[in-house]
Amino acid sequence: MSPDELQALIEDATFDYISGDPEVALEKLGRATQASPDSFEAWHATAEINLALRRLDDALAAGERALALRPSDPLAIATLSRTWMERGDKAKAEHYGAQARVQSWKDELSSPPGQADAGGLR
């Protein structure tokens, strides 16, 4: 699968999800992760949809896969924090929440002046 085809499949899956068809979205994301197991975007989308469906074990597995691909990604870290909170493990949720904030601050501090958006964040 070419990078463009992969991106189109992920975008189609996202559209399916927001259109109210999460099962079709997850099927497409399953194909995406099968074809490209190193696709952060596919794993992260899979984690988010499973979290929304309260399939917490699946959300956690996909979120951990996404984080392994991008260990300093604040979105992936935040997804894991929210997943652990839903699972009832406040300590792990707070651990990942703190990591997400620290990484977000690092990203903000490393951006050149004038590169921040209107809200002051990158």
N, C-alpha and C. Protein backbone atom coordinates (compact mmCIF):
# COMPACT_ATOMS: atom_id res chain seq x y z
N MET A 1 0.86 -1.17 0.00
CA MET A 1 0.00 0.00 0.00
C MET A 1 0.90 1.24 0.00
N SER A 2 0.64 2.13 -0.91
CA SER A 2 1.44 3.35 -1.00
C SER A 2 1.09 4.28 0.17
N PRO A 3 1.97 5.22 0.48
CA PRO A 3 1.66 6.18 1.55
C PRO A 3 0.37 6.96 1.28
N ASP A 4 0.13 7.31 0.02
CA ASP A 4 -1.10 8.04 -0.31
C ASP A 4 -2.34 7.16 -0.11
N GLU A 5 -2.24 5.89 -0.48
CA GLU A 5 -3.36 4.96 -0.27
C GLU A 5 -3.62 4.75 1.21
N LEU A 6 -2.55 4.64 1.97
CA LEU A 6 -2.68 4.48 3.41
C LEU A 6 -3.37 5.70 4.02
N GLN A 7 -2.92 6.88 3.65
CA GLN A 7 -3.53 8.11 4.17
C GLN A 7 -5.00 8.19 3.79
N ALA A 8 -5.33 7.83 2.56
CA ALA A 8 -6.73 7.85 2.12
C ALA A 8 -7.57 6.87 2.93
N LEU A 9 -7.03 5.69 3.21
CA LEU A 9 -7.76 4.69 3.98
C LEU A 9 -8.01 5.19 5.41
N ILE A 10 -7.02 5.81 6.02
CA ILE A 10 -7.18 6.36 7.37
C ILE A 10 -8.22 7.49 7.36
N GLU A 11 -8.16 8.34 6.36
CA GLU A 11 -9.15 9.42 6.26
C GLU A 11 -10.55 8.87 6.03
N ASP A 12 -10.68 7.84 5.20
CA ASP A 12 -11.98 7.20 4.99
C ASP A 12 -12.50 6.61 6.30
N ALA A 13 -11.62 5.97 7.04
CA ALA A 13 -12.02 5.38 8.32
C ALA A 13 -12.49 6.47 9.29
N THR A 14 -11.77 7.56 9.32
CA THR A 14 -12.16 8.68 10.19
C THR A 14 -13.53 9.21 9.80
N PHE A 15 -13.76 9.34 8.51
CA PHE A 15 -15.07 9.79 8.03
C PHE A 15 -16.16 8.80 8.42
N ASP A 16 -15.88 7.51 8.27
CA ASP A 16 -16.86 6.50 8.66
C ASP A 16 -17.21 6.63 10.15
N TYR A 17 -16.19 6.84 10.96
CA TYR A 17 -16.43 6.97 12.39
C TYR A 17 -17.30 8.19 12.70
N ILE A 18 -16.95 9.34 12.16
CA ILE A 18 -17.72 10.54 12.47
C ILE A 18 -19.11 10.51 11.82
N SER A 19 -19.27 9.64 10.83
CA SER A 19 -20.58 9.47 10.20
C SER A 19 -21.44 8.44 10.93
N GLY A 20 -20.91 7.87 12.00
CA GLY A 20 -21.69 6.96 12.81
C GLY A 20 -21.50 5.48 12.52
N ASP A 21 -20.42 5.13 11.84
CA ASP A 21 -20.18 3.72 11.53
C ASP A 21 -18.81 3.27 12.05
N PRO A 22 -18.68 3.16 13.37
CA PRO A 22 -17.38 2.84 13.94
C PRO A 22 -16.85 1.46 13.55
N GLU A 23 -17.74 0.50 13.32
CA GLU A 23 -17.27 -0.84 12.96
C GLU A 23 -16.58 -0.84 11.60
N VAL A 24 -17.15 -0.11 10.65
CA VAL A 24 -16.51 0.00 9.33
C VAL A 24 -15.18 0.75 9.47
N ALA A 25 -15.17 1.77 10.32
CA ALA A 25 -13.93 2.52 10.55
C ALA A 25 -12.85 1.61 11.11
N LEU A 26 -13.20 0.80 12.10
CA LEU A 26 -12.21 -0.10 12.70
C LEU A 26 -11.74 -1.17 11.72
N GLU A 27 -12.64 -1.62 10.84
CA GLU A 27 -12.24 -2.60 9.82
C GLU A 27 -11.21 -1.97 8.89
N LYS A 28 -11.45 -0.75 8.47
CA LYS A 28 -10.50 -0.06 7.58
C LYS A 28 -9.18 0.20 8.29
N LEU A 29 -9.25 0.60 9.54
CA LEU A 29 -8.02 0.83 10.28
C LEU A 29 -7.27 -0.47 10.52
N GLY A 30 -7.98 -1.57 10.66
CA GLY A 30 -7.34 -2.88 10.77
C GLY A 30 -6.57 -3.20 9.50
N ARG A 31 -7.15 -2.89 8.36
CA ARG A 31 -6.44 -3.09 7.09
C ARG A 31 -5.22 -2.18 7.02
N ALA A 32 -5.37 -0.95 7.50
CA ALA A 32 -4.26 0.01 7.47
C ALA A 32 -3.10 -0.47 8.34
N THR A 33 -3.41 -0.93 9.55
CA THR A 33 -2.34 -1.38 10.45
C THR A 33 -1.73 -2.69 9.96
N GLN A 34 -2.52 -3.51 9.29
CA GLN A 34 -1.99 -4.75 8.72
C GLN A 34 -1.01 -4.42 7.59
N ALA A 35 -1.40 -3.50 6.72
CA ALA A 35 -0.57 -3.14 5.57
C ALA A 35 0.64 -2.32 5.98
N SER A 36 0.47 -1.52 7.02
CA SER A 36 1.55 -0.63 7.46
C SER A 36 1.61 -0.62 8.98
N PRO A 37 2.23 -1.64 9.57
CA PRO A 37 2.26 -1.73 11.03
C PRO A 37 3.01 -0.60 11.72
N ASP A 38 3.72 0.22 10.96
CA ASP A 38 4.45 1.34 11.54
C ASP A 38 3.71 2.67 11.33
N SER A 39 2.42 2.61 11.04
CA SER A 39 1.64 3.82 10.84
C SER A 39 1.10 4.34 12.17
N PHE A 40 1.75 5.36 12.68
CA PHE A 40 1.30 5.99 13.92
C PHE A 40 -0.16 6.43 13.79
N GLU A 41 -0.49 7.09 12.69
CA GLU A 41 -1.82 7.65 12.51
C GLU A 41 -2.90 6.56 12.59
N ALA A 42 -2.64 5.41 11.97
CA ALA A 42 -3.62 4.32 12.00
C ALA A 42 -3.79 3.77 13.41
N TRP A 43 -2.68 3.57 14.11
CA TRP A 43 -2.77 3.04 15.47
C TRP A 43 -3.45 4.04 16.41
N HIS A 44 -3.11 5.31 16.26
CA HIS A 44 -3.70 6.32 17.14
C HIS A 44 -5.21 6.43 16.89
N ALA A 45 -5.62 6.43 15.64
CA ALA A 45 -7.05 6.48 15.32
C ALA A 45 -7.76 5.24 15.88
N THR A 46 -7.13 4.10 15.76
CA THR A 46 -7.70 2.86 16.31
C THR A 46 -7.89 2.98 17.82
N ALA A 47 -6.90 3.52 18.50
CA ALA A 47 -6.99 3.70 19.95
C ALA A 47 -8.14 4.64 20.30
N GLU A 48 -8.24 5.76 19.60
CA GLU A 48 -9.27 6.75 19.90
C GLU A 48 -10.68 6.19 19.68
N ILE A 49 -10.87 5.48 18.58
CA ILE A 49 -12.20 4.92 18.30
C ILE A 49 -12.55 3.85 19.34
N ASN A 50 -11.61 2.98 19.65
CA ASN A 50 -11.89 1.97 20.67
C ASN A 50 -12.16 2.59 22.03
N LEU A 51 -11.45 3.66 22.35
CA LEU A 51 -11.71 4.35 23.61
C LEU A 51 -13.13 4.92 23.61
N ALA A 52 -13.53 5.53 22.51
CA ALA A 52 -14.88 6.08 22.42
C ALA A 52 -15.95 5.00 22.56
N LEU A 53 -15.64 3.81 22.08
CA LEU A 53 -16.57 2.68 22.17
C LEU A 53 -16.46 1.95 23.50
N ARG A 54 -15.55 2.39 24.33
CA ARG A 54 -15.26 1.79 25.64
C ARG A 54 -14.74 0.37 25.53
N ARG A 55 -14.05 0.10 24.45
CA ARG A 55 -13.32 -1.16 24.29
C ARG A 55 -11.91 -0.89 24.80
N LEU A 56 -11.81 -0.87 26.10
CA LEU A 56 -10.61 -0.33 26.73
C LEU A 56 -9.37 -1.18 26.52
N ASP A 57 -9.50 -2.49 26.48
CA ASP A 57 -8.32 -3.32 26.23
C ASP A 57 -7.78 -3.06 24.83
N ASP A 58 -8.69 -2.97 23.84
CA ASP A 58 -8.27 -2.69 22.47
C ASP A 58 -7.68 -1.28 22.35
N ALA A 59 -8.30 -0.32 23.06
CA ALA A 59 -7.79 1.05 23.04
C ALA A 59 -6.38 1.11 23.63
N LEU A 60 -6.20 0.41 24.73
CA LEU A 60 -4.89 0.40 25.39
C LEU A 60 -3.83 -0.24 24.49
N ALA A 61 -4.15 -1.37 23.87
CA ALA A 61 -3.18 -2.04 22.99
C ALA A 61 -2.80 -1.15 21.82
N ALA A 62 -3.79 -0.53 21.19
CA ALA A 62 -3.50 0.35 20.04
C ALA A 62 -2.76 1.61 20.48
N GLY A 63 -3.14 2.15 21.63
CA GLY A 63 -2.47 3.35 22.14
C GLY A 63 -1.01 3.08 22.48
N GLU A 64 -0.75 1.92 23.06
CA GLU A 64 0.64 1.57 23.37
C GLU A 64 1.44 1.37 22.10
N ARG A 65 0.82 0.82 21.07
CA ARG A 65 1.50 0.64 19.78
C ARG A 65 1.84 2.01 19.17
N ALA A 66 0.88 2.93 19.24
CA ALA A 66 1.12 4.28 18.72
C ALA A 66 2.25 4.95 19.48
N LEU A 67 2.23 4.85 20.79
CA LEU A 67 3.26 5.48 21.61
C LEU A 67 4.63 4.86 21.34
N ALA A 68 4.67 3.56 21.09
CA ALA A 68 5.96 2.92 20.77
C ALA A 68 6.54 3.48 19.47
N LEU A 69 5.66 3.88 18.56
CA LEU A 69 6.12 4.45 17.28
C LEU A 69 6.56 5.90 17.43
N ARG A 70 5.91 6.64 18.34
CA ARG A 70 6.27 8.04 18.60
C ARG A 70 6.25 8.27 20.11
N PRO A 71 7.34 7.91 20.77
CA PRO A 71 7.36 7.96 22.24
C PRO A 71 7.14 9.34 22.86
N SER A 72 7.34 10.40 22.11
CA SER A 72 7.17 11.72 22.70
C SER A 72 5.94 12.45 22.15
N ASP A 73 5.02 11.73 21.53
CA ASP A 73 3.84 12.38 20.95
C ASP A 73 2.82 12.68 22.05
N PRO A 74 2.52 13.96 22.28
CA PRO A 74 1.60 14.30 23.37
C PRO A 74 0.18 13.76 23.16
N LEU A 75 -0.27 13.63 21.92
CA LEU A 75 -1.60 13.09 21.68
C LEU A 75 -1.69 11.62 22.05
N ALA A 76 -0.67 10.86 21.69
CA ALA A 76 -0.65 9.44 22.04
C ALA A 76 -0.57 9.25 23.55
N ILE A 77 0.24 10.08 24.19
CA ILE A 77 0.37 10.00 25.64
C ILE A 77 -0.97 10.35 26.30
N ALA A 78 -1.63 11.39 25.81
CA ALA A 78 -2.92 11.80 26.37
C ALA A 78 -3.98 10.72 26.15
N THR A 79 -3.95 10.05 25.01
CA THR A 79 -4.89 8.97 24.75
C THR A 79 -4.71 7.86 25.79
N LEU A 80 -3.46 7.53 26.07
CA LEU A 80 -3.21 6.50 27.10
C LEU A 80 -3.67 6.98 28.47
N SER A 81 -3.48 8.24 28.77
CA SER A 81 -3.94 8.77 30.05
C SER A 81 -5.45 8.63 30.18
N ARG A 82 -6.17 9.00 29.13
CA ARG A 82 -7.63 8.90 29.15
C ARG A 82 -8.08 7.44 29.23
N THR A 83 -7.36 6.56 28.55
CA THR A 83 -7.72 5.14 28.59
C THR A 83 -7.54 4.57 29.99
N TRP A 84 -6.41 4.90 30.62
CA TRP A 84 -6.19 4.40 31.98
C TRP A 84 -7.22 4.99 32.95
N MET A 85 -7.62 6.23 32.75
CA MET A 85 -8.63 6.83 33.61
C MET A 85 -9.95 6.06 33.46
N GLU A 86 -10.31 5.75 32.24
CA GLU A 86 -11.55 4.98 32.00
C GLU A 86 -11.46 3.58 32.61
N ARG A 87 -10.27 3.02 32.63
CA ARG A 87 -10.09 1.69 33.24
C ARG A 87 -10.08 1.77 34.77
N GLY A 88 -10.05 2.98 35.31
CA GLY A 88 -10.10 3.14 36.75
C GLY A 88 -8.75 3.18 37.43
N ASP A 89 -7.68 3.30 36.66
CA ASP A 89 -6.34 3.35 37.25
C ASP A 89 -5.87 4.81 37.25
N LYS A 90 -6.25 5.52 38.30
CA LYS A 90 -5.96 6.95 38.39
C LYS A 90 -4.45 7.22 38.41
N ALA A 91 -3.69 6.38 39.06
CA ALA A 91 -2.24 6.60 39.15
C ALA A 91 -1.60 6.55 37.77
N LYS A 92 -1.95 5.54 36.97
CA LYS A 92 -1.38 5.46 35.62
C LYS A 92 -1.90 6.59 34.75
N ALA A 93 -3.16 6.95 34.91
CA ALA A 93 -3.72 8.06 34.14
C ALA A 93 -2.97 9.35 34.45
N GLU A 94 -2.72 9.60 35.72
CA GLU A 94 -1.99 10.81 36.11
C GLU A 94 -0.55 10.78 35.61
N HIS A 95 0.06 9.60 35.62
CA HIS A 95 1.43 9.45 35.11
C HIS A 95 1.48 9.87 33.64
N TYR A 96 0.59 9.32 32.83
CA TYR A 96 0.58 9.67 31.40
C TYR A 96 0.13 11.11 31.17
N GLY A 97 -0.80 11.58 31.99
CA GLY A 97 -1.24 12.97 31.87
C GLY A 97 -0.09 13.94 32.12
N ALA A 98 0.72 13.65 33.13
CA ALA A 98 1.89 14.49 33.42
C ALA A 98 2.90 14.43 32.27
N GLN A 99 3.11 13.22 31.72
CA GLN A 99 4.02 13.09 30.58
C GLN A 99 3.53 13.91 29.39
N ALA A 100 2.23 13.90 29.14
CA ALA A 100 1.67 14.66 28.02
C ALA A 100 1.89 16.15 28.21
N ARG A 101 1.68 16.63 29.42
CA ARG A 101 1.90 18.06 29.70
C ARG A 101 3.36 18.44 29.52
N VAL A 102 4.25 17.62 30.05
CA VAL A 102 5.69 17.90 29.93
C VAL A 102 6.10 17.92 28.46
N GLN A 103 5.65 16.94 27.69
CA GLN A 103 6.01 16.90 26.28
C GLN A 103 5.44 18.09 25.53
N SER A 104 4.24 18.48 25.86
CA SER A 104 3.62 19.64 25.23
C SER A 104 4.42 20.91 25.54
N TRP A 105 4.87 21.03 26.79
CA TRP A 105 5.69 22.18 27.16
C TRP A 105 7.02 22.16 26.42
N LYS A 106 7.63 20.99 26.31
CA LYS A 106 8.89 20.87 25.57
C LYS A 106 8.70 21.30 24.13
N ASP A 107 7.61 20.85 23.52
CA ASP A 107 7.34 21.22 22.13
C ASP A 107 7.16 22.72 22.00
N GLU A 108 6.44 23.30 22.95
CA GLU A 108 6.20 24.74 22.92
C GLU A 108 7.51 25.52 23.08
N LEU A 109 8.34 25.08 24.01
CA LEU A 109 9.60 25.78 24.25
C LEU A 109 10.59 25.62 23.10
N SER A 110 10.48 24.52 22.36
CA SER A 110 11.43 24.30 21.27
C SER A 110 11.00 24.96 19.96
N SER A 111 9.77 25.48 19.91
CA SER A 111 9.32 26.13 18.68
C SER A 111 9.90 27.54 18.61
N PRO A 112 10.31 27.94 17.41
CA PRO A 112 10.86 29.30 17.26
C PRO A 112 9.81 30.35 17.59
N PRO A 113 10.24 31.50 18.08
CA PRO A 113 9.29 32.58 18.36
C PRO A 113 8.50 32.91 17.09
N GLY A 114 7.21 33.17 17.29
CA GLY A 114 6.36 33.50 16.14
C GLY A 114 5.75 32.28 15.47
N GLN A 115 6.12 31.06 15.92
CA GLN A 115 5.60 29.83 15.32
C GLN A 115 4.37 29.32 16.06
N ALA A 116 4.03 29.90 17.18
CA ALA A 116 2.87 29.46 17.94
C ALA A 116 1.60 29.95 17.28
N ASP A 117 0.50 29.22 17.53
CA ASP A 117 -0.78 29.64 16.96
C ASP A 117 -1.37 30.76 17.81
N ALA A 118 -2.59 31.18 17.50
CA ALA A 118 -3.22 32.28 18.18
C ALA A 118 -3.40 32.02 19.67
N GLY A 119 -3.51 30.74 20.04
CA GLY A 119 -3.68 30.40 21.45
C GLY A 119 -2.37 30.30 22.19
N GLY A 120 -1.26 30.52 21.50
CA GLY A 120 0.03 30.47 22.14
C GLY A 120 0.65 29.09 22.15
N LEU A 121 -0.05 28.12 21.60
CA LEU A 121 0.49 26.76 21.56
C LEU A 121 0.81 26.38 20.15
N ARG A 122 1.70 25.46 20.02
CA ARG A 122 2.07 24.95 18.70
C ARG A 122 1.07 23.97 18.20
